[in-house]
Amino acid sequence: AADLLDRGIVLTGGGALLKGLDERLRHETNMPIHIAERPLLAVVEGSGKCVEEFEALEKVLISEPRR
């Protein structure tokens, strides 16, 4: 949580492109707000990295036993 306060929030996806959202969040949270360099691709690129590194991330990504 401390890194979130220091580094702030990165907006991704289509919502990151909403005019004024970053300023509104900055005002409401008093935290730094950044927009990803390529917000429309950031989610799919991050998901792809999770798939590529699934075994290394498995304990973080899956917190409950499958039913």
PDB file of N, CA and C in Angstrom:
ATOM      1  N   ALA A   1       0.816  -1.195   0.000  1.00  0.00           N
ATOM      2  CA  ALA A   1       0.000   0.000   0.000  1.00  0.00           C
ATOM      3  C   ALA A   1       0.858   1.256   0.000  1.00  0.00           C
ATOM      4  N   ALA A   2       2.035   1.190   0.610  1.00  0.00           N
ATOM      5  CA  ALA A   2       2.903   2.367   0.643  1.00  0.00           C
ATOM      6  C   ALA A   2       3.376   2.746  -0.749  1.00  0.00           C
ATOM      7  N   ASP A   3       3.654   1.738  -1.591  1.00  0.00           N
ATOM      8  CA  ASP A   3       4.090   2.055  -2.954  1.00  0.00           C
ATOM      9  C   ASP A   3       2.970   2.720  -3.743  1.00  0.00           C
ATOM     10  N   LEU A   4       1.729   2.369  -3.457  1.00  0.00           N
ATOM     11  CA  LEU A   4       0.592   3.006  -4.123  1.00  0.00           C
ATOM     12  C   LEU A   4       0.540   4.487  -3.767  1.00  0.00           C
ATOM     13  N   LEU A   5       0.773   4.796  -2.515  1.00  0.00           N
ATOM     14  CA  LEU A   5       0.768   6.197  -2.094  1.00  0.00           C
ATOM     15  C   LEU A   5       1.928   6.969  -2.704  1.00  0.00           C
ATOM     16  N   ASP A   6       3.091   6.304  -2.842  1.00  0.00           N
ATOM     17  CA  ASP A   6       4.269   6.964  -3.403  1.00  0.00           C
ATOM     18  C   ASP A   6       4.199   7.093  -4.917  1.00  0.00           C
ATOM     19  N   ARG A   7       3.879   5.994  -5.581  1.00  0.00           N
ATOM     20  CA  ARG A   7       3.903   5.968  -7.047  1.00  0.00           C
ATOM     21  C   ARG A   7       2.587   6.385  -7.675  1.00  0.00           C
ATOM     22  N   GLY A   8       1.502   6.167  -6.978  1.00  0.00           N
ATOM     23  CA  GLY A   8       0.199   6.563  -7.478  1.00  0.00           C
ATOM     24  C   GLY A   8      -0.506   5.466  -8.244  1.00  0.00           C
ATOM     25  N   ILE A   9      -1.501   5.872  -9.001  1.00  0.00           N
ATOM     26  CA  ILE A   9      -2.379   4.968  -9.737  1.00  0.00           C
ATOM     27  C   ILE A   9      -2.103   5.116 -11.224  1.00  0.00           C
ATOM     28  N   VAL A  10      -2.064   3.997 -11.933  1.00  0.00           N
ATOM     29  CA  VAL A  10      -1.928   4.020 -13.385  1.00  0.00           C
ATOM     30  C   VAL A  10      -3.269   3.625 -13.986  1.00  0.00           C
ATOM     31  N   LEU A  11      -3.830   4.501 -14.786  1.00  0.00           N
ATOM     32  CA  LEU A  11      -5.097   4.225 -15.455  1.00  0.00           C
ATOM     33  C   LEU A  11      -4.825   3.485 -16.757  1.00  0.00           C
ATOM     34  N   THR A  12      -5.587   2.417 -17.001  1.00  0.00           N
ATOM     35  CA  THR A  12      -5.441   1.636 -18.223  1.00  0.00           C
ATOM     36  C   THR A  12      -6.810   1.410 -18.839  1.00  0.00           C
ATOM     37  N   GLY A  13      -6.812   0.897 -20.052  1.00  0.00           N
ATOM     38  CA  GLY A  13      -8.066   0.594 -20.728  1.00  0.00           C
ATOM     39  C   GLY A  13      -8.753   1.850 -21.234  1.00  0.00           C
ATOM     40  N   GLY A  14      -9.920   1.670 -21.778  1.00  0.00           N
ATOM     41  CA  GLY A  14     -10.667   2.782 -22.353  1.00  0.00           C
ATOM     42  C   GLY A  14     -11.031   3.855 -21.353  1.00  0.00           C
ATOM     43  N   GLY A  15     -11.246   3.461 -20.101  1.00  0.00           N
ATOM     44  CA  GLY A  15     -11.582   4.439 -19.073  1.00  0.00           C
ATOM     45  C   GLY A  15     -10.484   5.464 -18.855  1.00  0.00           C
ATOM     46  N   ALA A  16      -9.246   5.077 -19.128  1.00  0.00           N
ATOM     47  CA  ALA A  16      -8.124   5.998 -18.968  1.00  0.00           C
ATOM     48  C   ALA A  16      -8.223   7.175 -19.928  1.00  0.00           C
ATOM     49  N   LEU A  17      -8.983   7.005 -21.000  1.00  0.00           N
ATOM     50  CA  LEU A  17      -9.104   8.051 -22.016  1.00  0.00           C
ATOM     51  C   LEU A  17     -10.264   9.010 -21.756  1.00  0.00           C
ATOM     52  N   LEU A  18     -11.011   8.769 -20.688  1.00  0.00           N
ATOM     53  CA  LEU A  18     -12.118   9.668 -20.363  1.00  0.00           C
ATOM     54  C   LEU A  18     -11.567  11.032 -19.952  1.00  0.00           C
ATOM     55  N   LYS A  19     -12.018  12.059 -20.626  1.00  0.00           N
ATOM     56  CA  LYS A  19     -11.516  13.405 -20.389  1.00  0.00           C
ATOM     57  C   LYS A  19     -11.750  13.826 -18.939  1.00  0.00           C
ATOM     58  N   GLY A  20     -10.677  14.225 -18.284  1.00  0.00           N
ATOM     59  CA  GLY A  20     -10.764  14.745 -16.927  1.00  0.00           C
ATOM     60  C   GLY A  20     -10.750  13.708 -15.821  1.00  0.00           C
ATOM     61  N   LEU A  21     -10.787  12.414 -16.166  1.00  0.00           N
ATOM     62  CA  LEU A  21     -10.817  11.388 -15.120  1.00  0.00           C
ATOM     63  C   LEU A  21      -9.554  11.431 -14.271  1.00  0.00           C
ATOM     64  N   ASP A  22      -8.402  11.574 -14.917  1.00  0.00           N
ATOM     65  CA  ASP A  22      -7.151  11.607 -14.163  1.00  0.00           C
ATOM     66  C   ASP A  22      -7.123  12.784 -13.188  1.00  0.00           C
ATOM     67  N   GLU A  23      -7.559  13.944 -13.636  1.00  0.00           N
ATOM     68  CA  GLU A  23      -7.580  15.115 -12.752  1.00  0.00           C
ATOM     69  C   GLU A  23      -8.569  14.925 -11.603  1.00  0.00           C
ATOM     70  N   ARG A  24      -9.706  14.355 -11.895  1.00  0.00           N
ATOM     71  CA  ARG A  24     -10.717  14.123 -10.849  1.00  0.00           C
ATOM     72  C   ARG A  24     -10.176  13.165  -9.791  1.00  0.00           C
ATOM     73  N   LEU A  25      -9.565  12.069 -10.238  1.00  0.00           N
ATOM     74  CA  LEU A  25      -9.006  11.105  -9.290  1.00  0.00           C
ATOM     75  C   LEU A  25      -7.869  11.723  -8.482  1.00  0.00           C
ATOM     76  N   ARG A  26      -7.037  12.516  -9.137  1.00  0.00           N
ATOM     77  CA  ARG A  26      -5.939  13.193  -8.440  1.00  0.00           C
ATOM     78  C   ARG A  26      -6.507  14.104  -7.349  1.00  0.00           C
ATOM     79  N   HIS A  27      -7.547  14.829  -7.677  1.00  0.00           N
ATOM     80  CA  HIS A  27      -8.177  15.744  -6.719  1.00  0.00           C
ATOM     81  C   HIS A  27      -8.826  14.978  -5.557  1.00  0.00           C
ATOM     82  N   GLU A  28      -9.522  13.894  -5.864  1.00  0.00           N
ATOM     83  CA  GLU A  28     -10.258  13.141  -4.843  1.00  0.00           C
ATOM     84  C   GLU A  28      -9.353  12.307  -3.943  1.00  0.00           C
ATOM     85  N   THR A  29      -8.232  11.818  -4.484  1.00  0.00           N
ATOM     86  CA  THR A  29      -7.375  10.906  -3.718  1.00  0.00           C
ATOM     87  C   THR A  29      -6.100  11.550  -3.185  1.00  0.00           C
ATOM     88  N   ASN A  30      -5.752  12.720  -3.715  1.00  0.00           N
ATOM     89  CA  ASN A  30      -4.474  13.361  -3.373  1.00  0.00           C
ATOM     90  C   ASN A  30      -3.291  12.443  -3.662  1.00  0.00           C
ATOM     91  N   MET A  31      -3.435  11.637  -4.699  1.00  0.00           N
ATOM     92  CA  MET A  31      -2.359  10.727  -5.111  1.00  0.00           C
ATOM     93  C   MET A  31      -1.983  11.030  -6.551  1.00  0.00           C
ATOM     94  N   PRO A  32      -0.744  10.690  -6.935  1.00  0.00           N
ATOM     95  CA  PRO A  32      -0.367  10.854  -8.339  1.00  0.00           C
ATOM     96  C   PRO A  32      -1.190   9.911  -9.218  1.00  0.00           C
ATOM     97  N   ILE A  33      -1.656  10.405 -10.346  1.00  0.00           N
ATOM     98  CA  ILE A  33      -2.421   9.607 -11.296  1.00  0.00           C
ATOM     99  C   ILE A  33      -1.691   9.659 -12.634  1.00  0.00           C
ATOM    100  N   HIS A  34      -1.448   8.492 -13.209  1.00  0.00           N
ATOM    101  CA  HIS A  34      -0.743   8.393 -14.484  1.00  0.00           C
ATOM    102  C   HIS A  34      -1.630   7.647 -15.473  1.00  0.00           C
ATOM    103  N   ILE A  35      -1.505   7.988 -16.734  1.00  0.00           N
ATOM    104  CA  ILE A  35      -2.200   7.259 -17.792  1.00  0.00           C
ATOM    105  C   ILE A  35      -1.157   6.408 -18.502  1.00  0.00           C
ATOM    106  N   ALA A  36      -1.439   5.123 -18.662  1.00  0.00           N
ATOM    107  CA  ALA A  36      -0.517   4.215 -19.339  1.00  0.00           C
ATOM    108  C   ALA A  36      -0.166   4.769 -20.715  1.00  0.00           C
ATOM    109  N   GLU A  37       1.047   4.476 -21.156  1.00  0.00           N
ATOM    110  CA  GLU A  37       1.508   4.976 -22.448  1.00  0.00           C
ATOM    111  C   GLU A  37       0.572   4.562 -23.582  1.00  0.00           C
ATOM    112  N   ARG A  38       0.142   3.326 -23.554  1.00  0.00           N
ATOM    113  CA  ARG A  38      -0.810   2.818 -24.553  1.00  0.00           C
ATOM    114  C   ARG A  38      -1.975   2.186 -23.799  1.00  0.00           C
ATOM    115  N   PRO A  39      -2.875   2.997 -23.264  1.00  0.00           N
ATOM    116  CA  PRO A  39      -3.903   2.479 -22.364  1.00  0.00           C
ATOM    117  C   PRO A  39      -4.802   1.409 -22.969  1.00  0.00           C
ATOM    118  N   LEU A  40      -5.092   1.498 -24.259  1.00  0.00           N
ATOM    119  CA  LEU A  40      -5.981   0.508 -24.869  1.00  0.00           C
ATOM    120  C   LEU A  40      -5.316  -0.853 -25.018  1.00  0.00           C
ATOM    121  N   LEU A  41      -3.994  -0.889 -25.021  1.00  0.00           N
ATOM    122  CA  LEU A  41      -3.280  -2.158 -25.145  1.00  0.00           C
ATOM    123  C   LEU A  41      -2.738  -2.670 -23.815  1.00  0.00           C
ATOM    124  N   ALA A  42      -2.689  -1.820 -22.807  1.00  0.00           N
ATOM    125  CA  ALA A  42      -2.053  -2.175 -21.540  1.00  0.00           C
ATOM    126  C   ALA A  42      -2.675  -3.402 -20.888  1.00  0.00           C
ATOM    127  N   VAL A  43      -3.984  -3.517 -20.923  1.00  0.00           N
ATOM    128  CA  VAL A  43      -4.657  -4.639 -20.260  1.00  0.00           C
ATOM    129  C   VAL A  43      -4.319  -5.948 -20.957  1.00  0.00           C
ATOM    130  N   VAL A  44      -4.406  -5.967 -22.276  1.00  0.00           N
ATOM    131  CA  VAL A  44      -4.126  -7.205 -23.008  1.00  0.00           C
ATOM    132  C   VAL A  44      -2.642  -7.567 -22.921  1.00  0.00           C
ATOM    133  N   GLU A  45      -1.762  -6.573 -22.945  1.00  0.00           N
ATOM    134  CA  GLU A  45      -0.332  -6.862 -22.808  1.00  0.00           C
ATOM    135  C   GLU A  45      -0.022  -7.423 -21.421  1.00  0.00           C
ATOM    136  N   GLY A  46      -0.622  -6.851 -20.385  1.00  0.00           N
ATOM    137  CA  GLY A  46      -0.420  -7.360 -19.029  1.00  0.00           C
ATOM    138  C   GLY A  46      -0.975  -8.759 -18.855  1.00  0.00           C
ATOM    139  N   SER A  47      -2.123  -9.019 -19.456  1.00  0.00           N
ATOM    140  CA  SER A  47      -2.711 -10.365 -19.398  1.00  0.00           C
ATOM    141  C   SER A  47      -1.805 -11.368 -20.097  1.00  0.00           C
ATOM    142  N   GLY A  48      -1.249 -10.964 -21.229  1.00  0.00           N
ATOM    143  CA  GLY A  48      -0.324 -11.836 -21.952  1.00  0.00           C
ATOM    144  C   GLY A  48       0.900 -12.171 -21.125  1.00  0.00           C
ATOM    145  N   LYS A  49       1.424 -11.201 -20.412  1.00  0.00           N
ATOM    146  CA  LYS A  49       2.581 -11.453 -19.545  1.00  0.00           C
ATOM    147  C   LYS A  49       2.218 -12.418 -18.424  1.00  0.00           C
ATOM    148  N   CYS A  50       1.009 -12.290 -17.890  1.00  0.00           N
ATOM    149  CA  CYS A  50       0.557 -13.214 -16.843  1.00  0.00           C
ATOM    150  C   CYS A  50       0.472 -14.640 -17.375  1.00  0.00           C
ATOM    151  N   VAL A  51      -0.004 -14.795 -18.602  1.00  0.00           N
ATOM    152  CA  VAL A  51      -0.090 -16.125 -19.205  1.00  0.00           C
ATOM    153  C   VAL A  51       1.311 -16.690 -19.412  1.00  0.00           C
ATOM    154  N   GLU A  52       2.227 -15.862 -19.916  1.00  0.00           N
ATOM    155  CA  GLU A  52       3.601 -16.307 -20.154  1.00  0.00           C
ATOM    156  C   GLU A  52       4.301 -16.711 -18.859  1.00  0.00           C
ATOM    157  N   GLU A  53       4.029 -16.015 -17.791  1.00  0.00           N
ATOM    158  CA  GLU A  53       4.698 -16.254 -16.508  1.00  0.00           C
ATOM    159  C   GLU A  53       3.750 -16.871 -15.482  1.00  0.00           C
ATOM    160  N   PHE A  54       2.790 -17.647 -15.949  1.00  0.00           N
ATOM    161  CA  PHE A  54       1.737 -18.153 -15.073  1.00  0.00           C
ATOM    162  C   PHE A  54       2.281 -18.917 -13.872  1.00  0.00           C
ATOM    163  N   GLU A  55       3.229 -19.807 -14.089  1.00  0.00           N
ATOM    164  CA  GLU A  55       3.739 -20.607 -12.965  1.00  0.00           C
ATOM    165  C   GLU A  55       4.364 -19.724 -11.895  1.00  0.00           C
ATOM    166  N   ALA A  56       5.092 -18.709 -12.300  1.00  0.00           N
ATOM    167  CA  ALA A  56       5.728 -17.817 -11.331  1.00  0.00           C
ATOM    168  C   ALA A  56       4.693 -16.974 -10.581  1.00  0.00           C
ATOM    169  N   LEU A  57       3.576 -16.686 -11.232  1.00  0.00           N
ATOM    170  CA  LEU A  57       2.556 -15.821 -10.636  1.00  0.00           C
ATOM    171  C   LEU A  57       1.375 -16.579 -10.043  1.00  0.00           C
ATOM    172  N   GLU A  58       1.368 -17.888 -10.177  1.00  0.00           N
ATOM    173  CA  GLU A  58       0.209 -18.695  -9.791  1.00  0.00           C
ATOM    174  C   GLU A  58      -0.264 -18.431  -8.366  1.00  0.00           C
ATOM    175  N   LYS A  59       0.657 -18.341  -7.420  1.00  0.00           N
ATOM    176  CA  LYS A  59       0.264 -18.139  -6.022  1.00  0.00           C
ATOM    177  C   LYS A  59      -0.362 -16.766  -5.798  1.00  0.00           C
ATOM    178  N   VAL A  60       0.009 -15.802  -6.605  1.00  0.00           N
ATOM    179  CA  VAL A  60      -0.557 -14.460  -6.489  1.00  0.00           C
ATOM    180  C   VAL A  60      -1.888 -14.371  -7.224  1.00  0.00           C
ATOM    181  N   LEU A  61      -1.975 -15.038  -8.375  1.00  0.00           N
ATOM    182  CA  LEU A  61      -3.167 -14.931  -9.216  1.00  0.00           C
ATOM    183  C   LEU A  61      -4.326 -15.782  -8.725  1.00  0.00           C
ATOM    184  N   ILE A  62      -4.025 -16.906  -8.102  1.00  0.00           N
ATOM    185  CA  ILE A  62      -5.079 -17.821  -7.653  1.00  0.00           C
ATOM    186  C   ILE A  62      -5.032 -17.886  -6.136  1.00  0.00           C
ATOM    187  N   SER A  63      -6.049 -17.310  -5.494  1.00  0.00           N
ATOM    188  CA  SER A  63      -6.036 -17.264  -4.032  1.00  0.00           C
ATOM    189  C   SER A  63      -6.991 -18.270  -3.403  1.00  0.00           C
ATOM    190  N   GLU A  64      -7.925 -18.819  -4.187  1.00  0.00           N
ATOM    191  CA  GLU A  64      -8.874 -19.791  -3.663  1.00  0.00           C
ATOM    192  C   GLU A  64      -8.785 -21.078  -4.467  1.00  0.00           C
ATOM    193  N   PRO A  65      -9.043 -22.213  -3.808  1.00  0.00           N
ATOM    194  CA  PRO A  65      -9.075 -23.466  -4.565  1.00  0.00           C
ATOM    195  C   PRO A  65     -10.201 -23.442  -5.587  1.00  0.00           C
ATOM    196  N   ARG A  66      -9.939 -24.070  -6.726  1.00  0.00           N
ATOM    197  CA  ARG A  66     -10.977 -24.151  -7.758  1.00  0.00           C
ATOM    198  C   ARG A  66     -12.065 -25.093  -7.314  1.00  0.00           C
ATOM    199  N   ARG A  67     -13.301 -24.823  -7.735  1.00  0.00           N
ATOM    200  CA  ARG A  67     -14.430 -25.662  -7.352  1.00  0.00           C
ATOM    201  C   ARG A  67     -14.889 -26.474  -8.512  1.00  0.00           C
TER     202      ARG A  67
END
